[in-house]
Amino acid sequence: MPIYRLSDKIIFPPPRLAEDNGLLAIGGDLSEARLLLAYSMGIFPWYSEGDPILWWSTDPRLVLFPEDLKVSRSLNQTLRKGAFNITFDTAFEEVIRNCASVHSKTNGGTWITEEMLEAYINLHHAGHAHSVESWFEGRLAGGLYGVSLGSIFFGESMFTKKSDASKAAFVTLVKQLIKWNFKLIDCQMTTPHLKSFGACEIPRSVFMKKLKSALNTPTKRGNWELS
């Protein structure tokens, strides 16, 4: 299969034309309109500093059905003790910059480039990107961010500075999404960490059908709050 080079026109080829590794297209930009179209088609950007923008649609796709969430006994105990104060959308930029920093230290580089930082901060201001913060003794100890469309949340990245901080943020998010009748959390790439929470792989064709259904729900835009 060829890898498609994007033009200034905001369009994407069908995800079914992606390479076996999920790579679909190259180029384009990270404008709000292009990013929202990408997510609505099951496509996401992922590339390294100095590389052109790469667009992916993986098959199989790792997803979490919120009602399938699994929480370990020890994490449940941590949550019951209220060790962390969890908030939504109070420190988006701080969360995404911490995610970038953690990936850079761990992998010697990060896919959350300055260009990506700016794009997702803009998405947050537009009410489409959200963060979950985990605070310990008044300091940011962990968190995550992602994009929301319809009744689906596209998880992007998480970080932790204290054991269980990001896990507490994730579990709190999933439980809140259940209250809001979200149908799916897109985890994009398969990791043992996410599978331990109950995430599972599904064929891209199945994911696309569920995505189409989820997009029929009005998007919950603006700053989120716990309820």
C-alpha atoms as a PDB file:
ATOM      1  CA  MET A   1       0.000   0.000   0.000  1.00  0.00           C
ATOM      2  CA  PRO A   2       1.276   3.532  -0.729  1.00  0.00           C
ATOM      3  CA  ILE A   3       1.695   6.055   2.066  1.00  0.00           C
ATOM      4  CA  TYR A   4      -0.371   9.089   1.179  1.00  0.00           C
ATOM      5  CA  ARG A   5       1.147  12.577   1.202  1.00  0.00           C
ATOM      6  CA  LEU A   6      -1.342  15.142   2.437  1.00  0.00           C
ATOM      7  CA  SER A   7      -1.847  18.517   0.783  1.00  0.00           C
ATOM      8  CA  ASP A   8      -3.201  21.765   2.224  1.00  0.00           C
ATOM      9  CA  LYS A   9      -6.699  20.419   1.626  1.00  0.00           C
ATOM     10  CA  ILE A  10      -8.116  18.979   4.856  1.00  0.00           C
ATOM     11  CA  ILE A  11      -8.847  15.409   3.808  1.00  0.00           C
ATOM     12  CA  PHE A  12      -7.539  11.933   4.662  1.00  0.00           C
ATOM     13  CA  PRO A  13      -7.538   8.650   2.770  1.00  0.00           C
ATOM     14  CA  PRO A  14      -9.730   5.880   4.218  1.00  0.00           C
ATOM     15  CA  PRO A  15      -8.098   4.208   7.260  1.00  0.00           C
ATOM     16  CA  ARG A  16      -8.459   0.780   5.617  1.00  0.00           C
ATOM     17  CA  LEU A  17      -5.641   1.843   3.245  1.00  0.00           C
ATOM     18  CA  ALA A  18      -3.097   2.101   6.076  1.00  0.00           C
ATOM     19  CA  GLU A  19       0.081   0.039   6.091  1.00  0.00           C
ATOM     20  CA  ASP A  20       0.176  -3.122   8.208  1.00  0.00           C
ATOM     21  CA  ASN A  21       1.862  -1.139  10.994  1.00  0.00           C
ATOM     22  CA  GLY A  22      -0.929   1.450  10.898  1.00  0.00           C
ATOM     23  CA  LEU A  23       0.857   4.238   9.028  1.00  0.00           C
ATOM     24  CA  LEU A  24      -1.618   5.936   6.700  1.00  0.00           C
ATOM     25  CA  ALA A  25      -0.378   9.355   5.610  1.00  0.00           C
ATOM     26  CA  ILE A  26       2.395  11.919   5.887  1.00  0.00           C
ATOM     27  CA  GLY A  27       2.393  15.709   5.970  1.00  0.00           C
ATOM     28  CA  GLY A  28      -0.402  18.195   6.422  1.00  0.00           C
ATOM     29  CA  ASP A  29      -0.664  20.232   9.604  1.00  0.00           C
ATOM     30  CA  LEU A  30      -2.014  20.092  13.150  1.00  0.00           C
ATOM     31  CA  SER A  31      -4.800  22.622  12.718  1.00  0.00           C
ATOM     32  CA  GLU A  32      -7.939  22.209  14.803  1.00  0.00           C
ATOM     33  CA  ALA A  33      -9.998  21.287  11.746  1.00  0.00           C
ATOM     34  CA  ARG A  34      -7.554  18.626  10.556  1.00  0.00           C
ATOM     35  CA  LEU A  35      -7.109  17.093  14.011  1.00  0.00           C
ATOM     36  CA  LEU A  36     -10.857  16.857  14.602  1.00  0.00           C
ATOM     37  CA  LEU A  37     -11.390  15.294  11.176  1.00  0.00           C
ATOM     38  CA  ALA A  38      -8.591  12.813  11.896  1.00  0.00           C
ATOM     39  CA  TYR A  39     -10.064  11.705  15.218  1.00  0.00           C
ATOM     40  CA  SER A  40     -13.538  11.428  13.698  1.00  0.00           C
ATOM     41  CA  MET A  41     -12.035   8.999  11.142  1.00  0.00           C
ATOM     42  CA  GLY A  42     -10.055   6.935  13.663  1.00  0.00           C
ATOM     43  CA  ILE A  43      -6.733   8.550  12.705  1.00  0.00           C
ATOM     44  CA  PHE A  44      -4.158  10.134  15.031  1.00  0.00           C
ATOM     45  CA  PRO A  45      -0.775  11.896  14.649  1.00  0.00           C
ATOM     46  CA  TRP A  46       2.387  10.365  16.060  1.00  0.00           C
ATOM     47  CA  TYR A  47       5.905  11.360  15.064  1.00  0.00           C
ATOM     48  CA  SER A  48       9.254  12.460  16.483  1.00  0.00           C
ATOM     49  CA  GLU A  49      10.951  15.845  16.600  1.00  0.00           C
ATOM     50  CA  GLY A  50      12.488  16.664  13.215  1.00  0.00           C
ATOM     51  CA  ASP A  51      10.252  14.218  11.323  1.00  0.00           C
ATOM     52  CA  PRO A  52       7.297  15.142   9.120  1.00  0.00           C
ATOM     53  CA  ILE A  53       3.846  14.676  10.635  1.00  0.00           C
ATOM     54  CA  LEU A  54       2.842  11.008  10.451  1.00  0.00           C
ATOM     55  CA  TRP A  55      -0.803   9.887  10.644  1.00  0.00           C
ATOM     56  CA  TRP A  56      -1.798   6.442  11.904  1.00  0.00           C
ATOM     57  CA  SER A  57      -4.783   4.131  12.115  1.00  0.00           C
ATOM     58  CA  THR A  58      -3.739   0.940  13.848  1.00  0.00           C
ATOM     59  CA  ASP A  59      -5.237  -2.508  13.346  1.00  0.00           C
ATOM     60  CA  PRO A  60      -6.041  -4.056  15.738  1.00  0.00           C
ATOM     61  CA  ARG A  61      -7.023  -1.116  17.923  1.00  0.00           C
ATOM     62  CA  LEU A  62      -6.669  -1.098  21.701  1.00  0.00           C
ATOM     63  CA  VAL A  63      -9.838   0.177  23.375  1.00  0.00           C
ATOM     64  CA  LEU A  64     -11.423   0.166  26.792  1.00  0.00           C
ATOM     65  CA  PHE A  65     -15.154  -0.240  27.170  1.00  0.00           C
ATOM     66  CA  PRO A  66     -15.708   1.840  30.324  1.00  0.00           C
ATOM     67  CA  GLU A  67     -17.872  -0.799  32.006  1.00  0.00           C
ATOM     68  CA  ASP A  68     -15.010  -3.320  31.619  1.00  0.00           C
ATOM     69  CA  LEU A  69     -12.650  -1.293  33.801  1.00  0.00           C
ATOM     70  CA  LYS A  70     -10.528  -3.425  36.132  1.00  0.00           C
ATOM     71  CA  VAL A  71      -9.062  -1.897  39.290  1.00  0.00           C
ATOM     72  CA  SER A  72      -6.575  -3.756  41.470  1.00  0.00           C
ATOM     73  CA  ARG A  73      -7.270  -4.239  45.160  1.00  0.00           C
ATOM     74  CA  SER A  74      -4.318  -2.053  46.153  1.00  0.00           C
ATOM     75  CA  LEU A  75      -5.393   0.770  43.842  1.00  0.00           C
ATOM     76  CA  ASN A  76      -8.947   0.536  45.177  1.00  0.00           C
ATOM     77  CA  GLN A  77      -7.546   0.973  48.675  1.00  0.00           C
ATOM     78  CA  THR A  78      -5.576   4.032  47.547  1.00  0.00           C
ATOM     79  CA  LEU A  79      -8.701   5.533  45.995  1.00  0.00           C
ATOM     80  CA  ARG A  80     -10.801   4.864  49.096  1.00  0.00           C
ATOM     81  CA  LYS A  81      -8.204   6.565  51.295  1.00  0.00           C
ATOM     82  CA  GLY A  82      -8.421   9.676  49.122  1.00  0.00           C
ATOM     83  CA  ALA A  83      -4.653   9.875  48.818  1.00  0.00           C
ATOM     84  CA  PHE A  84      -4.975  12.047  45.712  1.00  0.00           C
ATOM     85  CA  ASN A  85      -7.168  15.010  44.897  1.00  0.00           C
ATOM     86  CA  ILE A  86      -8.417  14.532  41.333  1.00  0.00           C
ATOM     87  CA  THR A  87      -9.501  17.440  39.156  1.00  0.00           C
ATOM     88  CA  PHE A  88     -10.469  17.926  35.515  1.00  0.00           C
ATOM     89  CA  ASP A  89      -9.250  20.673  33.186  1.00  0.00           C
ATOM     90  CA  THR A  90      -7.526  22.806  35.815  1.00  0.00           C
ATOM     91  CA  ALA A  91      -3.927  22.453  34.557  1.00  0.00           C
ATOM     92  CA  PHE A  92      -4.022  21.189  30.963  1.00  0.00           C
ATOM     93  CA  GLU A  93      -0.800  22.823  29.819  1.00  0.00           C
ATOM     94  CA  GLU A  94       1.072  21.630  32.896  1.00  0.00           C
ATOM     95  CA  VAL A  95      -0.162  18.078  32.320  1.00  0.00           C
ATOM     96  CA  ILE A  96       0.787  17.904  28.642  1.00  0.00           C
ATOM     97  CA  ARG A  97       4.206  19.434  29.293  1.00  0.00           C
ATOM     98  CA  ASN A  98       4.850  16.887  32.036  1.00  0.00           C
ATOM     99  CA  CYS A  99       3.838  14.108  29.642  1.00  0.00           C
ATOM    100  CA  ALA A 100       6.333  15.444  27.098  1.00  0.00           C
ATOM    101  CA  SER A 101       9.075  15.699  29.715  1.00  0.00           C
ATOM    102  CA  VAL A 102       8.542  12.181  31.054  1.00  0.00           C
ATOM    103  CA  HIS A 103       8.634  10.637  27.568  1.00  0.00           C
ATOM    104  CA  SER A 104      11.771  12.595  26.727  1.00  0.00           C
ATOM    105  CA  LYS A 105      13.599  11.393  29.852  1.00  0.00           C
ATOM    106  CA  THR A 106      12.432   7.801  29.388  1.00  0.00           C
ATOM    107  CA  ASN A 107      12.981   7.388  25.650  1.00  0.00           C
ATOM    108  CA  GLY A 108      15.635   9.995  24.892  1.00  0.00           C
ATOM    109  CA  GLY A 109      13.062  11.907  22.863  1.00  0.00           C
ATOM    110  CA  THR A 110       9.342  12.586  22.735  1.00  0.00           C
ATOM    111  CA  TRP A 111       6.569  12.515  20.176  1.00  0.00           C
ATOM    112  CA  ILE A 112       4.934  15.411  22.052  1.00  0.00           C
ATOM    113  CA  THR A 113       6.844  18.054  20.116  1.00  0.00           C
ATOM    114  CA  GLU A 114       6.449  21.814  20.550  1.00  0.00           C
ATOM    115  CA  GLU A 115       4.177  21.723  17.509  1.00  0.00           C
ATOM    116  CA  MET A 116       2.033  19.061  19.177  1.00  0.00           C
ATOM    117  CA  LEU A 117       1.988  20.967  22.460  1.00  0.00           C
ATOM    118  CA  GLU A 118       0.664  24.083  20.761  1.00  0.00           C
ATOM    119  CA  ALA A 119      -1.911  22.141  18.749  1.00  0.00           C
ATOM    120  CA  TYR A 120      -3.402  20.310  21.725  1.00  0.00           C
ATOM    121  CA  ILE A 121      -3.378  23.378  23.946  1.00  0.00           C
ATOM    122  CA  ASN A 122      -5.400  25.067  21.196  1.00  0.00           C
ATOM    123  CA  LEU A 123      -7.743  22.051  21.125  1.00  0.00           C
ATOM    124  CA  HIS A 124      -8.168  22.419  24.870  1.00  0.00           C
ATOM    125  CA  HIS A 125      -9.072  26.086  24.542  1.00  0.00           C
ATOM    126  CA  ALA A 126     -11.598  25.060  21.876  1.00  0.00           C
ATOM    127  CA  GLY A 127     -13.193  22.647  24.367  1.00  0.00           C
ATOM    128  CA  HIS A 128     -12.182  19.385  22.686  1.00  0.00           C
ATOM    129  CA  ALA A 129      -9.053  18.340  24.613  1.00  0.00           C
ATOM    130  CA  HIS A 130      -9.196  17.597  28.329  1.00  0.00           C
ATOM    131  CA  SER A 131      -6.846  16.856  31.187  1.00  0.00           C
ATOM    132  CA  VAL A 132      -7.213  14.941  34.425  1.00  0.00           C
ATOM    133  CA  GLU A 133      -4.941  16.039  37.256  1.00  0.00           C
ATOM    134  CA  SER A 134      -3.863  14.048  40.292  1.00  0.00           C
ATOM    135  CA  TRP A 135      -2.666  16.231  43.171  1.00  0.00           C
ATOM    136  CA  PHE A 136      -0.738  15.140  46.261  1.00  0.00           C
ATOM    137  CA  GLU A 137      -0.231  17.604  49.092  1.00  0.00           C
ATOM    138  CA  GLY A 138      -1.074  20.472  46.744  1.00  0.00           C
ATOM    139  CA  ARG A 139       1.377  19.479  44.022  1.00  0.00           C
ATOM    140  CA  LEU A 140       0.704  17.904  40.648  1.00  0.00           C
ATOM    141  CA  ALA A 141       1.703  14.258  41.056  1.00  0.00           C
ATOM    142  CA  GLY A 142       0.342  12.774  37.835  1.00  0.00           C
ATOM    143  CA  GLY A 143      -2.276  13.073  35.162  1.00  0.00           C
ATOM    144  CA  LEU A 144      -3.369  12.433  31.612  1.00  0.00           C
ATOM    145  CA  TYR A 145      -4.906  14.180  28.640  1.00  0.00           C
ATOM    146  CA  GLY A 146      -6.908  13.292  25.568  1.00  0.00           C
ATOM    147  CA  VAL A 147      -9.528  14.374  23.060  1.00  0.00           C
ATOM    148  CA  SER A 148     -13.298  13.962  23.288  1.00  0.00           C
ATOM    149  CA  LEU A 149     -15.787  13.660  20.432  1.00  0.00           C
ATOM    150  CA  GLY A 150     -19.328  12.404  20.860  1.00  0.00           C
ATOM    151  CA  SER A 151     -19.321   9.583  23.412  1.00  0.00           C
ATOM    152  CA  ILE A 152     -15.705   8.522  22.823  1.00  0.00           C
ATOM    153  CA  PHE A 153     -12.559   9.664  24.619  1.00  0.00           C
ATOM    154  CA  PHE A 154      -9.259   9.370  22.750  1.00  0.00           C
ATOM    155  CA  GLY A 155      -6.515   8.920  25.320  1.00  0.00           C
ATOM    156  CA  GLU A 156      -3.211  10.529  24.352  1.00  0.00           C
ATOM    157  CA  SER A 157      -0.671  10.319  27.163  1.00  0.00           C
ATOM    158  CA  MET A 158      -0.203  10.152  30.912  1.00  0.00           C
ATOM    159  CA  PHE A 159       2.579  10.798  33.402  1.00  0.00           C
ATOM    160  CA  THR A 160       3.239  10.127  37.051  1.00  0.00           C
ATOM    161  CA  LYS A 161       5.627  11.546  39.629  1.00  0.00           C
ATOM    162  CA  LYS A 162       4.268   9.504  42.534  1.00  0.00           C
ATOM    163  CA  SER A 163       3.188   5.874  42.593  1.00  0.00           C
ATOM    164  CA  ASP A 164      -0.476   5.397  41.587  1.00  0.00           C
ATOM    165  CA  ALA A 165      -1.027   9.096  40.785  1.00  0.00           C
ATOM    166  CA  SER A 166      -1.776   8.635  37.078  1.00  0.00           C
ATOM    167  CA  LYS A 167      -3.664   5.400  37.778  1.00  0.00           C
ATOM    168  CA  ALA A 168      -5.942   7.247  40.196  1.00  0.00           C
ATOM    169  CA  ALA A 169      -6.533   9.913  37.551  1.00  0.00           C
ATOM    170  CA  PHE A 170      -7.345   7.307  34.913  1.00  0.00           C
ATOM    171  CA  VAL A 171      -9.766   5.323  37.071  1.00  0.00           C
ATOM    172  CA  THR A 172     -11.519   8.513  38.163  1.00  0.00           C
ATOM    173  CA  LEU A 173     -11.863   9.557  34.520  1.00  0.00           C
ATOM    174  CA  VAL A 174     -13.329   6.224  33.465  1.00  0.00           C
ATOM    175  CA  LYS A 175     -15.873   6.238  36.290  1.00  0.00           C
ATOM    176  CA  GLN A 176     -16.896   9.780  35.339  1.00  0.00           C
ATOM    177  CA  LEU A 177     -17.211   8.823  31.664  1.00  0.00           C
ATOM    178  CA  ILE A 178     -19.569   6.024  32.699  1.00  0.00           C
ATOM    179  CA  LYS A 179     -21.768   8.616  34.434  1.00  0.00           C
ATOM    180  CA  TRP A 180     -21.776  10.653  31.218  1.00  0.00           C
ATOM    181  CA  ASN A 181     -22.700   7.564  29.157  1.00  0.00           C
ATOM    182  CA  PHE A 182     -19.477   7.457  27.168  1.00  0.00           C
ATOM    183  CA  LYS A 183     -19.288   4.257  25.133  1.00  0.00           C
ATOM    184  CA  LEU A 184     -15.593   3.891  24.377  1.00  0.00           C
ATOM    185  CA  ILE A 185     -12.067   4.951  25.318  1.00  0.00           C
ATOM    186  CA  ASP A 186      -9.588   4.745  22.460  1.00  0.00           C
ATOM    187  CA  CYS A 187      -6.181   3.697  23.782  1.00  0.00           C
ATOM    188  CA  GLN A 188      -4.590   3.664  20.291  1.00  0.00           C
ATOM    189  CA  MET A 189      -1.430   1.639  20.988  1.00  0.00           C
ATOM    190  CA  THR A 190      -1.375  -1.672  22.849  1.00  0.00           C
ATOM    191  CA  THR A 191       0.504  -1.698  26.177  1.00  0.00           C
ATOM    192  CA  PRO A 192       0.434  -4.189  29.071  1.00  0.00           C
ATOM    193  CA  HIS A 193      -0.287  -1.262  31.407  1.00  0.00           C
ATOM    194  CA  LEU A 194      -3.562  -0.399  29.676  1.00  0.00           C
ATOM    195  CA  LYS A 195      -4.534  -4.042  29.234  1.00  0.00           C
ATOM    196  CA  SER A 196      -4.235  -4.451  33.001  1.00  0.00           C
ATOM    197  CA  PHE A 197      -7.140  -1.984  33.308  1.00  0.00           C
ATOM    198  CA  GLY A 198      -9.309  -4.141  31.055  1.00  0.00           C
ATOM    199  CA  ALA A 199      -8.455  -2.671  27.664  1.00  0.00           C
ATOM    200  CA  CYS A 200      -8.688  -5.106  24.754  1.00  0.00           C
ATOM    201  CA  GLU A 201      -7.775  -5.240  21.079  1.00  0.00           C
ATOM    202  CA  ILE A 202     -10.521  -5.128  18.470  1.00  0.00           C
ATOM    203  CA  PRO A 203     -10.270  -5.144  14.654  1.00  0.00           C
ATOM    204  CA  ARG A 204     -10.110  -1.693  13.092  1.00  0.00           C
ATOM    205  CA  SER A 205     -13.290  -2.449  11.158  1.00  0.00           C
ATOM    206  CA  VAL A 206     -15.153  -3.019  14.437  1.00  0.00           C
ATOM    207  CA  PHE A 207     -13.579   0.088  15.971  1.00  0.00           C
ATOM    208  CA  MET A 208     -14.731   2.191  13.019  1.00  0.00           C
ATOM    209  CA  LYS A 209     -18.330   1.032  13.452  1.00  0.00           C
ATOM    210  CA  LYS A 210     -18.271   1.847  17.160  1.00  0.00           C
ATOM    211  CA  LEU A 211     -16.643   5.196  16.442  1.00  0.00           C
ATOM    212  CA  LYS A 212     -19.358   6.066  13.923  1.00  0.00           C
ATOM    213  CA  SER A 213     -22.029   5.203  16.484  1.00  0.00           C
ATOM    214  CA  ALA A 214     -20.286   7.194  19.257  1.00  0.00           C
ATOM    215  CA  LEU A 215     -20.102  10.281  17.054  1.00  0.00           C
ATOM    216  CA  ASN A 216     -23.902  10.404  16.891  1.00  0.00           C
ATOM    217  CA  THR A 217     -23.849  11.696  20.479  1.00  0.00           C
ATOM    218  CA  PRO A 218     -23.371  15.460  20.974  1.00  0.00           C
ATOM    219  CA  THR A 219     -19.832  16.331  22.064  1.00  0.00           C
ATOM    220  CA  LYS A 220     -19.413  17.450  25.675  1.00  0.00           C
ATOM    221  CA  ARG A 221     -17.334  20.573  25.002  1.00  0.00           C
ATOM    222  CA  GLY A 222     -15.839  23.095  27.380  1.00  0.00           C
ATOM    223  CA  ASN A 223     -14.132  22.537  30.715  1.00  0.00           C
ATOM    224  CA  TRP A 224     -15.107  19.299  32.410  1.00  0.00           C
ATOM    225  CA  GLU A 225     -15.901  18.973  36.095  1.00  0.00           C
ATOM    226  CA  LEU A 226     -16.207  15.937  38.349  1.00  0.00           C
ATOM    227  CA  SER A 227     -19.707  15.086  39.473  1.00  0.00           C
END
